Structure formats: C-alpha cells, structure tokens
Amino acid sequence: MLKPPNEPEGATGDNERPIGELVHELIEDGKAYARAEAEVIRAIATAKANALKIPSIMFGMAFLLALAAIAALAVGVAMGLATLIGPLAGGIVAFLLLAAVAGGLGWYGAKRLREDL
C-alpha cells in the first residue's frame, strides 16, 4: 500500500484495518445486499400476485357461468328435439351435435397449436 509522503516508512496509519476484518465486513455487506434483493423480489412477486387475484376470480366465475350456459343450451336443444323425435332420441341427438362442435373446436385448437410451435 502506498504511504503518504510525510509518514515514515515503518509507521502505520490509524485507518488501516486487518484483512480478516475487511473480509468479514465485505461478507456481511454481501449478505445484507442479498437479503435486500430477496426482499425486493418478494415484494414485487407479492404485488403481482395481488394484482392478479381479482381478475383470476372474475375469469373463474366467467368460466363457470359459460359452463352453465352451455349446459342450458344442451338441455334446450334436447327438449326441443324431444318434442319432435322423443326424449331419449332428442338427448342423444343433442349430445352428438354438441360433441361434434366440441370435437371440431378441439381439433382446430390442436391444429393451431401445432402450426404455432
């Protein structure tokens, strides 16, 4: 280490500390920095989770209501066909019709997924 010009060669300054103490301080500072970074990441994740909570609940409710609407449609189609061809045949035809629509949508979704990947 360079000494100031007015200090004799063998003298040590008051501001010099042992290497072990400096290394210990460096390690403690590193630990404190890592803890602070972890707290920042935790705060960001918590804020994002809280921001997504209400929209997730709303999407879940919308999904359940969509399922109820599809069930009502299926019952309506089956009841409408029941007056024409009987209750059992109306239910079977309604099932086949809605299953064909679901299969077509699933096939199209799988096709688009393969194209996009």
PDB file of N, CA and C in Angstrom:
ATOM      1  N   MET A   1       0.834  -1.172   0.000  1.00  0.00           N
ATOM      2  CA  MET A   1       0.000   0.000   0.000  1.00  0.00           C
ATOM      3  C   MET A   1       0.875   1.231   0.000  1.00  0.00           C
ATOM      4  N   LEU A   2       0.512   2.248  -0.733  1.00  0.00           N
ATOM      5  CA  LEU A   2       1.294   3.477  -0.787  1.00  0.00           C
ATOM      6  C   LEU A   2       1.104   4.276   0.485  1.00  0.00           C
ATOM      7  N   LYS A   3       2.185   4.826   0.983  1.00  0.00           N
ATOM      8  CA  LYS A   3       2.153   5.629   2.200  1.00  0.00           C
ATOM      9  C   LYS A   3       2.173   7.101   1.809  1.00  0.00           C
ATOM     10  N   PRO A   4       1.519   7.920   2.604  1.00  0.00           N
ATOM     11  CA  PRO A   4       1.619   9.358   2.330  1.00  0.00           C
ATOM     12  C   PRO A   4       3.069   9.817   2.467  1.00  0.00           C
ATOM     13  N   PRO A   5       3.467  10.837   1.733  1.00  0.00           N
ATOM     14  CA  PRO A   5       4.878  11.242   1.738  1.00  0.00           C
ATOM     15  C   PRO A   5       5.377  11.742   3.087  1.00  0.00           C
ATOM     16  N   ASN A   6       4.530  12.278   3.946  1.00  0.00           N
ATOM     17  CA  ASN A   6       5.002  12.801   5.225  1.00  0.00           C
ATOM     18  C   ASN A   6       5.049  11.743   6.323  1.00  0.00           C
ATOM     19  N   GLU A   7       4.632  10.501   6.009  1.00  0.00           N
ATOM     20  CA  GLU A   7       4.633   9.437   7.011  1.00  0.00           C
ATOM     21  C   GLU A   7       5.914   8.612   6.867  1.00  0.00           C
ATOM     22  N   PRO A   8       6.570   8.291   7.974  1.00  0.00           N
ATOM     23  CA  PRO A   8       7.787   7.469   7.892  1.00  0.00           C
ATOM     24  C   PRO A   8       7.482   6.083   7.342  1.00  0.00           C
ATOM     25  N   GLU A   9       8.507   5.416   6.848  1.00  0.00           N
ATOM     26  CA  GLU A   9       8.377   4.129   6.164  1.00  0.00           C
ATOM     27  C   GLU A   9       7.790   3.045   7.054  1.00  0.00           C
ATOM     28  N   GLY A  10       8.179   2.931   8.289  1.00  0.00           N
ATOM     29  CA  GLY A  10       7.732   1.842   9.156  1.00  0.00           C
ATOM     30  C   GLY A  10       6.426   2.125   9.872  1.00  0.00           C
ATOM     31  N   ALA A  11       5.921   3.351   9.852  1.00  0.00           N
ATOM     32  CA  ALA A  11       4.717   3.702  10.618  1.00  0.00           C
ATOM     33  C   ALA A  11       3.463   3.245   9.870  1.00  0.00           C
ATOM     34  N   THR A  12       2.440   2.902  10.631  1.00  0.00           N
ATOM     35  CA  THR A  12       1.153   2.525  10.034  1.00  0.00           C
ATOM     36  C   THR A  12       0.120   3.576  10.384  1.00  0.00           C
ATOM     37  N   GLY A  13      -0.808   3.815   9.488  1.00  0.00           N
ATOM     38  CA  GLY A  13      -1.857   4.807   9.719  1.00  0.00           C
ATOM     39  C   GLY A  13      -2.963   4.252  10.602  1.00  0.00           C
ATOM     40  N   ASP A  14      -3.766   5.147  11.128  1.00  0.00           N
ATOM     41  CA  ASP A  14      -4.864   4.739  12.006  1.00  0.00           C
ATOM     42  C   ASP A  14      -6.025   4.116  11.204  1.00  0.00           C
ATOM     43  N   ASN A  15      -6.097   4.396   9.901  1.00  0.00           N
ATOM     44  CA  ASN A  15      -7.219   3.926   9.112  1.00  0.00           C
ATOM     45  C   ASN A  15      -7.011   2.531   8.526  1.00  0.00           C
ATOM     46  N   GLU A  16      -5.873   1.930   8.757  1.00  0.00           N
ATOM     47  CA  GLU A  16      -5.645   0.583   8.231  1.00  0.00           C
ATOM     48  C   GLU A  16      -6.225  -0.437   9.190  1.00  0.00           C
ATOM     49  N   ARG A  17      -6.949  -1.419   8.609  1.00  0.00           N
ATOM     50  CA  ARG A  17      -7.541  -2.474   9.421  1.00  0.00           C
ATOM     51  C   ARG A  17      -7.003  -3.804   8.915  1.00  0.00           C
ATOM     52  N   PRO A  18      -7.098  -4.819   9.748  1.00  0.00           N
ATOM     53  CA  PRO A  18      -6.603  -6.131   9.322  1.00  0.00           C
ATOM     54  C   PRO A  18      -7.451  -6.670   8.163  1.00  0.00           C
ATOM     55  N   ILE A  19      -6.844  -7.504   7.332  1.00  0.00           N
ATOM     56  CA  ILE A  19      -7.515  -8.091   6.161  1.00  0.00           C
ATOM     57  C   ILE A  19      -8.717  -8.930   6.601  1.00  0.00           C
ATOM     58  N   GLY A  20      -8.576  -9.682   7.662  1.00  0.00           N
ATOM     59  CA  GLY A  20      -9.673 -10.520   8.153  1.00  0.00           C
ATOM     60  C   GLY A  20     -10.907  -9.699   8.482  1.00  0.00           C
ATOM     61  N   GLU A  21     -10.697  -8.550   9.104  1.00  0.00           N
ATOM     62  CA  GLU A  21     -11.825  -7.677   9.437  1.00  0.00           C
ATOM     63  C   GLU A  21     -12.472  -7.120   8.168  1.00  0.00           C
ATOM     64  N   LEU A  22     -11.667  -6.743   7.208  1.00  0.00           N
ATOM     65  CA  LEU A  22     -12.205  -6.233   5.939  1.00  0.00           C
ATOM     66  C   LEU A  22     -12.985  -7.304   5.190  1.00  0.00           C
ATOM     67  N   VAL A  23     -12.449  -8.532   5.177  1.00  0.00           N
ATOM     68  CA  VAL A  23     -13.145  -9.636   4.509  1.00  0.00           C
ATOM     69  C   VAL A  23     -14.463  -9.931   5.228  1.00  0.00           C
ATOM     70  N   HIS A  24     -14.438  -9.921   6.556  1.00  0.00           N
ATOM     71  CA  HIS A  24     -15.657 -10.161   7.324  1.00  0.00           C
ATOM     72  C   HIS A  24     -16.700  -9.084   7.016  1.00  0.00           C
ATOM     73  N   GLU A  25     -16.272  -7.843   6.969  1.00  0.00           N
ATOM     74  CA  GLU A  25     -17.193  -6.740   6.653  1.00  0.00           C
ATOM     75  C   GLU A  25     -17.740  -6.893   5.225  1.00  0.00           C
ATOM     76  N   LEU A  26     -16.894  -7.294   4.308  1.00  0.00           N
ATOM     77  CA  LEU A  26     -17.334  -7.500   2.929  1.00  0.00           C
ATOM     78  C   LEU A  26     -18.378  -8.617   2.845  1.00  0.00           C
ATOM     79  N   ILE A  27     -18.145  -9.688   3.572  1.00  0.00           N
ATOM     80  CA  ILE A  27     -19.103 -10.799   3.573  1.00  0.00           C
ATOM     81  C   ILE A  27     -20.427 -10.357   4.185  1.00  0.00           C
ATOM     82  N   GLU A  28     -20.374  -9.631   5.294  1.00  0.00           N
ATOM     83  CA  GLU A  28     -21.607  -9.141   5.932  1.00  0.00           C
ATOM     84  C   GLU A  28     -22.363  -8.184   5.008  1.00  0.00           C
ATOM     85  N   ASP A  29     -21.636  -7.321   4.314  1.00  0.00           N
ATOM     86  CA  ASP A  29     -22.276  -6.412   3.362  1.00  0.00           C
ATOM     87  C   ASP A  29     -22.914  -7.191   2.213  1.00  0.00           C
ATOM     88  N   GLY A  30     -22.236  -8.242   1.756  1.00  0.00           N
ATOM     89  CA  GLY A  30     -22.797  -9.076   0.693  1.00  0.00           C
ATOM     90  C   GLY A  30     -24.064  -9.781   1.145  1.00  0.00           C
ATOM     91  N   LYS A  31     -24.063 -10.286   2.375  1.00  0.00           N
ATOM     92  CA  LYS A  31     -25.261 -10.940   2.911  1.00  0.00           C
ATOM     93  C   LYS A  31     -26.410  -9.944   3.027  1.00  0.00           C
ATOM     94  N   ALA A  32     -26.113  -8.749   3.511  1.00  0.00           N
ATOM     95  CA  ALA A  32     -27.162  -7.729   3.643  1.00  0.00           C
ATOM     96  C   ALA A  32     -27.718  -7.357   2.273  1.00  0.00           C
ATOM     97  N   TYR A  33     -26.844  -7.256   1.278  1.00  0.00           N
ATOM     98  CA  TYR A  33     -27.300  -6.938  -0.087  1.00  0.00           C
ATOM     99  C   TYR A  33     -28.180  -8.048  -0.644  1.00  0.00           C
ATOM    100  N   ALA A  34     -27.775  -9.307  -0.416  1.00  0.00           N
ATOM    101  CA  ALA A  34     -28.568 -10.439  -0.902  1.00  0.00           C
ATOM    102  C   ALA A  34     -29.933 -10.473  -0.220  1.00  0.00           C
ATOM    103  N   ARG A  35     -29.974 -10.195   1.097  1.00  0.00           N
ATOM    104  CA  ARG A  35     -31.260 -10.150   1.797  1.00  0.00           C
ATOM    105  C   ARG A  35     -32.143  -9.033   1.248  1.00  0.00           C
ATOM    106  N   ALA A  36     -31.553  -7.877   0.993  1.00  0.00           N
ATOM    107  CA  ALA A  36     -32.329  -6.755   0.457  1.00  0.00           C
ATOM    108  C   ALA A  36     -32.871  -7.087  -0.932  1.00  0.00           C
ATOM    109  N   GLU A  37     -32.061  -7.723  -1.771  1.00  0.00           N
ATOM    110  CA  GLU A  37     -32.524  -8.121  -3.106  1.00  0.00           C
ATOM    111  C   GLU A  37     -33.659  -9.145  -3.007  1.00  0.00           C
ATOM    112  N   ALA A  38     -33.536 -10.088  -2.068  1.00  0.00           N
ATOM    113  CA  ALA A  38     -34.592 -11.084  -1.885  1.00  0.00           C
ATOM    114  C   ALA A  38     -35.887 -10.419  -1.426  1.00  0.00           C
ATOM    115  N   GLU A  39     -35.783  -9.418  -0.563  1.00  0.00           N
ATOM    116  CA  GLU A  39     -36.975  -8.698  -0.110  1.00  0.00           C
ATOM    117  C   GLU A  39     -37.619  -7.922  -1.261  1.00  0.00           C
ATOM    118  N   VAL A  40     -36.806  -7.340  -2.123  1.00  0.00           N
ATOM    119  CA  VAL A  40     -37.351  -6.617  -3.276  1.00  0.00           C
ATOM    120  C   VAL A  40     -38.074  -7.585  -4.205  1.00  0.00           C
ATOM    121  N   ILE A  41     -37.473  -8.727  -4.473  1.00  0.00           N
ATOM    122  CA  ILE A  41     -38.099  -9.731  -5.340  1.00  0.00           C
ATOM    123  C   ILE A  41     -39.389 -10.242  -4.714  1.00  0.00           C
ATOM    124  N   ARG A  42     -39.373 -10.481  -3.402  1.00  0.00           N
ATOM    125  CA  ARG A  42     -40.573 -10.939  -2.705  1.00  0.00           C
ATOM    126  C   ARG A  42     -41.676  -9.880  -2.776  1.00  0.00           C
ATOM    127  N   ALA A  43     -41.318  -8.613  -2.616  1.00  0.00           N
ATOM    128  CA  ALA A  43     -42.311  -7.542  -2.688  1.00  0.00           C
ATOM    129  C   ALA A  43     -42.901  -7.422  -4.091  1.00  0.00           C
ATOM    130  N   ILE A  44     -42.070  -7.559  -5.106  1.00  0.00           N
ATOM    131  CA  ILE A  44     -42.559  -7.494  -6.488  1.00  0.00           C
ATOM    132  C   ILE A  44     -43.504  -8.662  -6.762  1.00  0.00           C
ATOM    133  N   ALA A  45     -43.121  -9.859  -6.339  1.00  0.00           N
ATOM    134  CA  ALA A  45     -43.962 -11.042  -6.566  1.00  0.00           C
ATOM    135  C   ALA A  45     -45.293 -10.910  -5.828  1.00  0.00           C
ATOM    136  N   THR A  46     -45.264 -10.396  -4.606  1.00  0.00           N
ATOM    137  CA  THR A  46     -46.492 -10.213  -3.842  1.00  0.00           C
ATOM    138  C   THR A  46     -47.400  -9.189  -4.518  1.00  0.00           C
ATOM    139  N   ALA A  47     -46.817  -8.103  -5.008  1.00  0.00           N
ATOM    140  CA  ALA A  47     -47.612  -7.083  -5.677  1.00  0.00           C
ATOM    141  C   ALA A  47     -48.253  -7.640  -6.951  1.00  0.00           C
ATOM    142  N   LYS A  48     -47.492  -8.424  -7.707  1.00  0.00           N
ATOM    143  CA  LYS A  48     -48.052  -9.011  -8.935  1.00  0.00           C
ATOM    144  C   LYS A  48     -49.146 -10.028  -8.612  1.00  0.00           C
ATOM    145  N   ALA A  49     -48.946 -10.821  -7.568  1.00  0.00           N
ATOM    146  CA  ALA A  49     -49.959 -11.803  -7.177  1.00  0.00           C
ATOM    147  C   ALA A  49     -51.239 -11.104  -6.725  1.00  0.00           C
ATOM    148  N   ASN A  50     -51.086 -10.034  -5.958  1.00  0.00           N
ATOM    149  CA  ASN A  50     -52.266  -9.291  -5.521  1.00  0.00           C
ATOM    150  C   ASN A  50     -52.978  -8.629  -6.692  1.00  0.00           C
ATOM    151  N   ALA A  51     -52.223  -8.177  -7.681  1.00  0.00           N
ATOM    152  CA  ALA A  51     -52.833  -7.547  -8.854  1.00  0.00           C
ATOM    153  C   ALA A  51     -53.595  -8.563  -9.691  1.00  0.00           C
ATOM    154  N   LEU A  52     -53.187  -9.823  -9.671  1.00  0.00           N
ATOM    155  CA  LEU A  52     -53.842 -10.862 -10.476  1.00  0.00           C
ATOM    156  C   LEU A  52     -54.966 -11.580  -9.734  1.00  0.00           C
ATOM    157  N   LYS A  53     -55.121 -11.332  -8.451  1.00  0.00           N
ATOM    158  CA  LYS A  53     -56.095 -12.069  -7.656  1.00  0.00           C
ATOM    159  C   LYS A  53     -57.530 -11.824  -8.130  1.00  0.00           C
ATOM    160  N   ILE A  54     -57.956 -10.582  -8.202  1.00  0.00           N
ATOM    161  CA  ILE A  54     -59.339 -10.261  -8.582  1.00  0.00           C
ATOM    162  C   ILE A  54     -59.625 -10.665 -10.030  1.00  0.00           C
ATOM    163  N   PRO A  55     -58.744 -10.340 -11.001  1.00  0.00           N
ATOM    164  CA  PRO A  55     -59.033 -10.804 -12.366  1.00  0.00           C
ATOM    165  C   PRO A  55     -59.120 -12.325 -12.475  1.00  0.00           C
ATOM    166  N   SER A  56     -58.316 -13.050 -11.721  1.00  0.00           N
ATOM    167  CA  SER A  56     -58.379 -14.516 -11.759  1.00  0.00           C
ATOM    168  C   SER A  56     -59.720 -15.018 -11.240  1.00  0.00           C
ATOM    169  N   ILE A  57     -60.203 -14.413 -10.178  1.00  0.00           N
ATOM    170  CA  ILE A  57     -61.504 -14.802  -9.638  1.00  0.00           C
ATOM    171  C   ILE A  57     -62.596 -14.499 -10.655  1.00  0.00           C
ATOM    172  N   MET A  58     -62.503 -13.350 -11.317  1.00  0.00           N
ATOM    173  CA  MET A  58     -63.514 -12.982 -12.313  1.00  0.00           C
ATOM    174  C   MET A  58     -63.501 -13.944 -13.507  1.00  0.00           C
ATOM    175  N   PHE A  59     -62.312 -14.316 -13.976  1.00  0.00           N
ATOM    176  CA  PHE A  59     -62.223 -15.274 -15.080  1.00  0.00           C
ATOM    177  C   PHE A  59     -62.776 -16.636 -14.668  1.00  0.00           C
ATOM    178  N   GLY A  60     -62.514 -17.051 -13.444  1.00  0.00           N
ATOM    179  CA  GLY A  60     -63.057 -18.316 -12.951  1.00  0.00           C
ATOM    180  C   GLY A  60     -64.584 -18.296 -12.910  1.00  0.00           C
ATOM    181  N   MET A  61     -65.147 -17.198 -12.428  1.00  0.00           N
ATOM    182  CA  MET A  61     -66.607 -17.079 -12.394  1.00  0.00           C
ATOM    183  C   MET A  61     -67.178 -17.050 -13.811  1.00  0.00           C
ATOM    184  N   ALA A  62     -66.505 -16.349 -14.723  1.00  0.00           N
ATOM    185  CA  ALA A  62     -66.972 -16.305 -16.111  1.00  0.00           C
ATOM    186  C   ALA A  62     -66.946 -17.702 -16.725  1.00  0.00           C
ATOM    187  N   PHE A  63     -65.922 -18.479 -16.406  1.00  0.00           N
ATOM    188  CA  PHE A  63     -65.825 -19.843 -16.913  1.00  0.00           C
ATOM    189  C   PHE A  63     -66.977 -20.708 -16.393  1.00  0.00           C
ATOM    190  N   LEU A  64     -67.268 -20.587 -15.096  1.00  0.00           N
ATOM    191  CA  LEU A  64     -68.374 -21.364 -14.531  1.00  0.00           C
ATOM    192  C   LEU A  64     -69.714 -20.963 -15.147  1.00  0.00           C
ATOM    193  N   LEU A  65     -69.910 -19.676 -15.370  1.00  0.00           N
ATOM    194  CA  LEU A  65     -71.157 -19.228 -15.989  1.00  0.00           C
ATOM    195  C   LEU A  65     -71.244 -19.676 -17.446  1.00  0.00           C
ATOM    196  N   ALA A  66     -70.113 -19.721 -18.137  1.00  0.00           N
ATOM    197  CA  ALA A  66     -70.113 -20.213 -19.516  1.00  0.00           C
ATOM    198  C   ALA A  66     -70.485 -21.700 -19.544  1.00  0.00           C
ATOM    199  N   LEU A  67     -69.969 -22.461 -18.580  1.00  0.00           N
ATOM    200  CA  LEU A  67     -70.352 -23.874 -18.492  1.00  0.00           C
ATOM    201  C   LEU A  67     -71.850 -24.030 -18.228  1.00  0.00           C
ATOM    202  N   ALA A  68     -72.395 -23.175 -17.365  1.00  0.00           N
ATOM    203  CA  ALA A  68     -73.832 -23.229 -17.086  1.00  0.00           C
ATOM    204  C   ALA A  68     -74.635 -22.874 -18.333  1.00  0.00           C
ATOM    205  N   ALA A  69     -74.146 -21.908 -19.106  1.00  0.00           N
ATOM    206  CA  ALA A  69     -74.845 -21.517 -20.335  1.00  0.00           C
ATOM    207  C   ALA A  69     -74.819 -22.655 -21.355  1.00  0.00           C
ATOM    208  N   ILE A  70     -73.695 -23.333 -21.459  1.00  0.00           N
ATOM    209  CA  ILE A  70     -73.606 -24.460 -22.393  1.00  0.00           C
ATOM    210  C   ILE A  70     -74.521 -25.594 -21.944  1.00  0.00           C
ATOM    211  N   ALA A  71     -74.586 -25.829 -20.633  1.00  0.00           N
ATOM    212  CA  ALA A  71     -75.492 -26.873 -20.135  1.00  0.00           C
ATOM    213  C   ALA A  71     -76.946 -26.502 -20.420  1.00  0.00           C
ATOM    214  N   ALA A  72     -77.294 -25.220 -20.239  1.00  0.00           N
ATOM    215  CA  ALA A  72     -78.658 -24.778 -20.540  1.00  0.00           C
ATOM    216  C   ALA A  72     -78.958 -24.931 -22.031  1.00  0.00           C
ATOM    217  N   LEU A  73     -77.981 -24.627 -22.880  1.00  0.00           N
ATOM    218  CA  LEU A  73     -78.161 -24.813 -24.322  1.00  0.00           C
ATOM    219  C   LEU A  73     -78.388 -26.278 -24.655  1.00  0.00           C
ATOM    220  N   ALA A  74     -77.600 -27.134 -24.044  1.00  0.00           N
ATOM    221  CA  ALA A  74     -77.742 -28.568 -24.310  1.00  0.00           C
ATOM    222  C   ALA A  74     -79.125 -29.062 -23.880  1.00  0.00           C
ATOM    223  N   VAL A  75     -79.582 -28.626 -22.722  1.00  0.00           N
ATOM    224  CA  VAL A  75     -80.911 -29.036 -22.254  1.00  0.00           C
ATOM    225  C   VAL A  75     -81.989 -28.482 -23.178  1.00  0.00           C
ATOM    226  N   GLY A  76     -81.806 -27.224 -23.601  1.00  0.00           N
ATOM    227  CA  GLY A  76     -82.787 -26.629 -24.510  1.00  0.00           C
ATOM    228  C   GLY A  76     -82.857 -27.354 -25.838  1.00  0.00           C
ATOM    229  N   VAL A  77     -81.713 -27.722 -26.383  1.00  0.00           N
ATOM    230  CA  VAL A  77     -81.696 -28.461 -27.653  1.00  0.00           C
ATOM    231  C   VAL A  77     -82.336 -29.828 -27.466  1.00  0.00           C
ATOM    232  N   ALA A  78     -82.005 -30.492 -26.367  1.00  0.00           N
ATOM    233  CA  ALA A  78     -82.579 -31.817 -26.113  1.00  0.00           C
ATOM    234  C   ALA A  78     -84.093 -31.735 -25.931  1.00  0.00           C
ATOM    235  N   MET A  79     -84.560 -30.726 -25.229  1.00  0.00           N
ATOM    236  CA  MET A  79     -86.012 -30.583 -25.022  1.00  0.00           C
ATOM    237  C   MET A  79     -86.723 -30.227 -26.328  1.00  0.00           C
ATOM    238  N   GLY A  80     -86.067 -29.384 -27.128  1.00  0.00           N
ATOM    239  CA  GLY A  80     -86.660 -29.046 -28.420  1.00  0.00           C
ATOM    240  C   GLY A  80     -86.752 -30.247 -29.339  1.00  0.00           C
ATOM    241  N   LEU A  81     -85.729 -31.067 -29.351  1.00  0.00           N
ATOM    242  CA  LEU A  81     -85.749 -32.281 -30.177  1.00  0.00           C
ATOM    243  C   LEU A  81     -86.682 -33.342 -29.599  1.00  0.00           C
ATOM    244  N   ALA A  82     -86.875 -33.312 -28.278  1.00  0.00           N
ATOM    245  CA  ALA A  82     -87.740 -34.309 -27.650  1.00  0.00           C
ATOM    246  C   ALA A  82     -89.171 -34.198 -28.147  1.00  0.00           C
ATOM    247  N   THR A  83     -89.620 -33.001 -28.473  1.00  0.00           N
ATOM    248  CA  THR A  83     -90.991 -32.847 -28.982  1.00  0.00           C
ATOM    249  C   THR A  83     -91.125 -33.422 -30.384  1.00  0.00           C
ATOM    250  N   LEU A  84     -90.004 -33.482 -31.100  1.00  0.00           N
ATOM    251  CA  LEU A  84     -90.049 -33.977 -32.472  1.00  0.00           C
ATOM    252  C   LEU A  84     -89.786 -35.478 -32.572  1.00  0.00           C
ATOM    253  N   ILE A  85     -88.760 -35.972 -31.825  1.00  0.00           N
ATOM    254  CA  ILE A  85     -88.350 -37.373 -32.014  1.00  0.00           C
ATOM    255  C   ILE A  85     -88.340 -38.176 -30.719  1.00  0.00           C
ATOM    256  N   GLY A  86     -88.839 -37.631 -29.639  1.00  0.00           N
ATOM    257  CA  GLY A  86     -88.884 -38.352 -28.373  1.00  0.00           C
ATOM    258  C   GLY A  86     -87.764 -37.927 -27.443  1.00  0.00           C
ATOM    259  N   PRO A  87     -87.944 -38.130 -26.142  1.00  0.00           N
ATOM    260  CA  PRO A  87     -86.962 -37.645 -25.171  1.00  0.00           C
ATOM    261  C   PRO A  87     -85.593 -38.312 -25.280  1.00  0.00           C
ATOM    262  N   LEU A  88     -85.539 -39.614 -25.404  1.00  0.00           N
ATOM    263  CA  LEU A  88     -84.244 -40.303 -25.467  1.00  0.00           C
ATOM    264  C   LEU A  88     -83.511 -39.964 -26.753  1.00  0.00           C
ATOM    265  N   ALA A  89     -84.184 -40.024 -27.862  1.00  0.00           N
ATOM    266  CA  ALA A  89     -83.542 -39.705 -29.138  1.00  0.00           C
ATOM    267  C   ALA A  89     -83.142 -38.231 -29.184  1.00  0.00           C
ATOM    268  N   GLY A  90     -83.964 -37.353 -28.596  1.00  0.00           N
ATOM    269  CA  GLY A  90     -83.617 -35.929 -28.547  1.00  0.00           C
ATOM    270  C   GLY A  90     -82.347 -35.687 -27.750  1.00  0.00           C
ATOM    271  N   GLY A  91     -82.208 -36.377 -26.620  1.00  0.00           N
ATOM    272  CA  GLY A  91     -80.991 -36.267 -25.807  1.00  0.00           C
ATOM    273  C   GLY A  91     -79.772 -36.785 -26.537  1.00  0.00           C
ATOM    274  N   ILE A  92     -79.938 -37.914 -27.234  1.00  0.00           N
ATOM    275  CA  ILE A  92     -78.809 -38.487 -27.979  1.00  0.00           C
ATOM    276  C   ILE A  92     -78.393 -37.576 -29.128  1.00  0.00           C
ATOM    277  N   VAL A  93     -79.355 -37.045 -29.856  1.00  0.00           N
ATOM    278  CA  VAL A  93     -79.030 -36.151 -30.975  1.00  0.00           C
ATOM    279  C   VAL A  93     -78.376 -34.868 -30.459  1.00  0.00           C
ATOM    280  N   ALA A  94     -78.902 -34.320 -29.347  1.00  0.00           N
ATOM    281  CA  ALA A  94     -78.297 -33.115 -28.766  1.00  0.00           C
ATOM    282  C   ALA A  94     -76.864 -33.405 -28.325  1.00  0.00           C
ATOM    283  N   PHE A  95     -76.648 -34.570 -27.717  1.00  0.00           N
ATOM    284  CA  PHE A  95     -75.294 -34.952 -27.297  1.00  0.00           C
ATOM    285  C   PHE A  95     -74.365 -35.046 -28.497  1.00  0.00           C
ATOM    286  N   LEU A  96     -74.798 -35.724 -29.540  1.00  0.00           N
ATOM    287  CA  LEU A  96     -73.954 -35.881 -30.726  1.00  0.00           C
ATOM    288  C   LEU A  96     -73.661 -34.538 -31.385  1.00  0.00           C
ATOM    289  N   LEU A  97     -74.655 -33.670 -31.443  1.00  0.00           N
ATOM    290  CA  LEU A  97     -74.466 -32.350 -32.045  1.00  0.00           C
ATOM    291  C   LEU A  97     -73.443 -31.532 -31.266  1.00  0.00           C
ATOM    292  N   LEU A  98     -73.611 -31.457 -29.954  1.00  0.00           N
ATOM    293  CA  LEU A  98     -72.679 -30.670 -29.134  1.00  0.00           C
ATOM    294  C   LEU A  98     -71.306 -31.333 -29.048  1.00  0.00           C
ATOM    295  N   ALA A  99     -71.243 -32.659 -29.060  1.00  0.00           N
ATOM    296  CA  ALA A  99     -69.948 -33.348 -29.060  1.00  0.00           C
ATOM    297  C   ALA A  99     -69.205 -33.088 -30.364  1.00  0.00           C
ATOM    298  N   ALA A 100     -69.942 -33.015 -31.481  1.00  0.00           N
ATOM    299  CA  ALA A 100     -69.301 -32.707 -32.766  1.00  0.00           C
ATOM    300  C   ALA A 100     -68.736 -31.292 -32.759  1.00  0.00           C
ATOM    301  N   VAL A 101     -69.477 -30.347 -32.189  1.00  0.00           N
ATOM    302  CA  VAL A 101     -68.977 -28.966 -32.090  1.00  0.00           C
ATOM    303  C   VAL A 101     -67.731 -28.921 -31.205  1.00  0.00           C
ATOM    304  N   ALA A 102     -67.779 -29.606 -30.061  1.00  0.00           N
ATOM    305  CA  ALA A 102     -66.624 -29.638 -29.152  1.00  0.00           C
ATOM    306  C   ALA A 102     -65.419 -30.307 -29.823  1.00  0.00           C
ATOM    307  N   GLY A 103     -65.665 -31.403 -30.542  1.00  0.00           N
ATOM    308  CA  GLY A 103     -64.566 -32.077 -31.243  1.00  0.00           C
ATOM    309  C   GLY A 103     -63.955 -31.196 -32.320  1.00  0.00           C
ATOM    310  N   GLY A 104     -64.803 -30.479 -33.059  1.00  0.00           N
ATOM    311  CA  GLY A 104     -64.286 -29.566 -34.087  1.00  0.00           C
ATOM    312  C   GLY A 104     -63.450 -28.449 -33.491  1.00  0.00           C
ATOM    313  N   LEU A 105     -63.923 -27.884 -32.376  1.00  0.00           N
ATOM    314  CA  LEU A 105     -63.143 -26.831 -31.714  1.00  0.00           C
ATOM    315  C   LEU A 105     -61.816 -27.378 -31.178  1.00  0.00           C
ATOM    316  N   GLY A 106     -61.841 -28.579 -30.604  1.00  0.00           N
ATOM    317  CA  GLY A 106     -60.605 -29.194 -30.109  1.00  0.00           C
ATOM    318  C   GLY A 106     -59.636 -29.500 -31.229  1.00  0.00           C
ATOM    319  N   TRP A 107     -60.149 -30.004 -32.342  1.00  0.00           N
ATOM    320  CA  TRP A 107     -59.292 -30.304 -33.491  1.00  0.00           C
ATOM    321  C   TRP A 107     -58.658 -29.027 -34.031  1.00  0.00           C
ATOM    322  N   TYR A 108     -59.451 -27.968 -34.168  1.00  0.00           N
ATOM    323  CA  TYR A 108     -58.931 -26.705 -34.677  1.00  0.00           C
ATOM    324  C   TYR A 108     -57.884 -26.111 -33.719  1.00  0.00           C
ATOM    325  N   GLY A 109     -58.143 -26.214 -32.413  1.00  0.00           N
ATOM    326  CA  GLY A 109     -57.168 -25.732 -31.433  1.00  0.00           C
ATOM    327  C   GLY A 109     -55.860 -26.494 -31.487  1.00  0.00           C
ATOM    328  N   ALA A 110     -55.938 -27.817 -31.630  1.00  0.00           N
ATOM    329  CA  ALA A 110     -54.721 -28.630 -31.740  1.00  0.00           C
ATOM    330  C   ALA A 110     -53.964 -28.305 -33.015  1.00  0.00           C
ATOM    331  N   LYS A 111     -54.697 -28.094 -34.102  1.00  0.00           N
ATOM    332  CA  LYS A 111     -54.061 -27.749 -35.380  1.00  0.00           C
ATOM    333  C   LYS A 111     -53.322 -26.416 -35.266  1.00  0.00           C
ATOM    334  N   ARG A 112     -53.955 -25.421 -34.654  1.00  0.00           N
ATOM    335  CA  ARG A 112     -53.320 -24.110 -34.494  1.00  0.00           C
ATOM    336  C   ARG A 112     -52.109 -24.202 -33.565  1.00  0.00           C
ATOM    337  N   LEU A 113     -52.203 -25.035 -32.552  1.00  0.00           N
ATOM    338  CA  LEU A 113     -51.085 -25.200 -31.640  1.00  0.00           C
ATOM    339  C   LEU A 113     -49.890 -25.800 -32.347  1.00  0.00           C
ATOM    340  N   ARG A 114     -50.107 -26.810 -33.196  1.00  0.00           N
ATOM    341  CA  ARG A 114     -49.005 -27.407 -33.955  1.00  0.00           C
ATOM    342  C   ARG A 114     -48.408 -26.411 -34.934  1.00  0.00           C
ATOM    343  N   GLU A 115     -49.241 -25.569 -35.558  1.00  0.00           N
ATOM    344  CA  GLU A 115     -48.738 -24.581 -36.508  1.00  0.00           C
ATOM    345  C   GLU A 115     -47.918 -23.507 -35.813  1.00  0.00           C
ATOM    346  N   ASP A 116     -48.342 -23.098 -34.623  1.00  0.00           N
ATOM    347  CA  ASP A 116     -47.654 -22.025 -33.914  1.00  0.00           C
ATOM    348  C   ASP A 116     -46.342 -22.485 -33.310  1.00  0.00           C
ATOM    349  N   LEU A 117     -46.239 -23.761 -33.009  1.00  0.00           N
ATOM    350  CA  LEU A 117     -44.993 -24.256 -32.413  1.00  0.00           C
ATOM    351  C   LEU A 117     -44.087 -24.642 -33.541  1.00  0.00           C
TER     352      LEU A 117
END
